[in-house]
Amino acid sequence: DWTKSIELNPHEGNAFYNRGLANQHLRNFDDAVEDFKKSLEFPATNKSKSITGLIKCYSELGKPKEIEYWSNEALKLLGSSPNAISDDQTGK
């Protein structure tokens, strides 16, 4: 249970990300958005995956302004390094 994991270690960003995924699959999009946003506060989190989750949830919620904002954030992330995609996926 990801909520229990968060209670035991509230500084683990991947637990928030994984709970966000669970909420997204359960179609609890508002809760998923909060978890994905929280996961971005931690340096070890795969930011591109969290942002992708946010964009998918906002798409389901019909919120184009939020989709545009997070799409721009994704573009900034991709522009931060010549190897940003591969770096983020490998945890570098």
Protein backbone atom coordinates (compact mmCIF):
# COMPACT_ATOMS: atom_id res chain seq x y z
CA ASP A 1 0.00 0.00 0.00
CA TRP A 2 1.62 3.24 -1.17
CA THR A 3 -0.14 5.33 1.47
CA LYS A 4 1.46 3.19 4.19
CA SER A 5 4.82 3.51 2.45
CA ILE A 6 4.44 7.32 2.45
CA GLU A 7 3.49 7.29 6.13
CA LEU A 8 6.65 5.31 6.94
CA ASN A 9 8.92 7.42 4.73
CA PRO A 10 7.32 10.75 3.72
CA HIS A 11 10.50 11.84 1.93
CA GLU A 12 10.37 9.14 -0.74
CA GLY A 13 9.24 10.76 -3.97
CA ASN A 14 8.84 7.48 -5.83
CA ALA A 15 6.16 6.39 -3.35
CA PHE A 16 4.14 9.50 -4.24
CA TYR A 17 4.70 8.79 -7.94
CA ASN A 18 3.56 5.17 -7.56
CA ARG A 19 0.49 6.16 -5.54
CA GLY A 20 -0.23 8.69 -8.30
CA LEU A 21 -0.12 5.89 -10.85
CA ALA A 22 -2.48 3.78 -8.75
CA ASN A 23 -4.89 6.70 -8.42
CA GLN A 24 -4.66 7.38 -12.15
CA HIS A 25 -5.55 3.74 -12.93
CA LEU A 26 -8.46 3.98 -10.49
CA ARG A 27 -9.55 7.15 -12.32
CA ASN A 28 -9.04 9.24 -9.16
CA PHE A 29 -7.44 11.94 -11.27
CA ASP A 30 -7.51 14.76 -8.72
CA ASP A 31 -5.72 12.60 -6.15
CA ALA A 32 -3.26 11.42 -8.80
CA VAL A 33 -2.45 15.03 -9.73
CA GLU A 34 -1.63 15.85 -6.11
CA ASP A 35 0.64 12.80 -5.81
CA PHE A 36 2.45 13.48 -9.09
CA LYS A 37 3.02 17.11 -8.06
CA LYS A 38 4.29 16.01 -4.64
CA SER A 39 6.67 13.52 -6.27
CA LEU A 40 8.30 16.39 -8.18
CA GLU A 41 9.49 17.90 -4.89
CA PHE A 42 12.06 15.12 -4.46
CA PRO A 43 15.34 14.98 -6.41
CA ALA A 44 15.36 11.20 -6.98
CA THR A 45 11.98 11.18 -8.74
CA ASN A 46 11.85 10.53 -12.48
CA LYS A 47 10.48 13.95 -13.36
CA SER A 48 9.56 13.15 -16.96
CA LYS A 49 7.33 10.27 -15.80
CA SER A 50 5.65 12.45 -13.15
CA ILE A 51 5.00 15.21 -15.68
CA THR A 52 3.62 12.67 -18.16
CA GLY A 53 1.25 11.46 -15.45
CA LEU A 54 0.14 15.02 -14.78
CA ILE A 55 -0.54 15.67 -18.46
CA LYS A 56 -2.56 12.45 -18.79
CA CYS A 57 -4.65 13.27 -15.71
CA TYR A 58 -5.31 16.82 -16.81
CA SER A 59 -6.34 15.47 -20.21
CA GLU A 60 -8.88 13.19 -18.54
CA LEU A 61 -10.08 16.11 -16.40
CA GLY A 62 -10.47 18.34 -19.48
CA LYS A 63 -8.07 21.05 -18.27
CA PRO A 64 -6.26 22.45 -21.33
CA LYS A 65 -4.44 25.26 -19.47
CA GLU A 66 -2.85 22.76 -17.10
CA ILE A 67 -1.94 20.50 -20.03
CA GLU A 68 -0.23 23.43 -21.73
CA TYR A 69 1.63 24.43 -18.56
CA TRP A 70 2.97 20.93 -17.87
CA SER A 71 3.79 20.35 -21.53
CA ASN A 72 5.96 23.45 -21.37
CA GLU A 73 7.57 22.16 -18.17
CA ALA A 74 8.35 18.90 -19.98
CA LEU A 75 9.96 20.83 -22.82
CA LYS A 76 12.10 22.75 -20.32
CA LEU A 77 13.18 19.46 -18.76
CA LEU A 78 14.08 18.04 -22.14
CA GLY A 79 16.07 21.15 -22.96
CA SER A 80 18.03 21.02 -19.71
CA SER A 81 20.56 18.53 -21.06
CA PRO A 82 21.49 17.19 -24.49
CA ASN A 83 20.79 13.73 -23.07
CA ALA A 84 17.83 14.71 -20.85
CA ILE A 85 15.58 11.88 -21.95
CA SER A 86 18.15 9.15 -21.45
CA ASP A 87 19.56 10.81 -18.29
CA ASP A 88 16.13 11.00 -16.67
CA GLN A 89 15.31 7.40 -17.54
CA THR A 90 18.58 6.07 -16.17
CA GLY A 91 18.47 8.18 -13.03
CA LYS A 92 21.64 10.14 -13.82
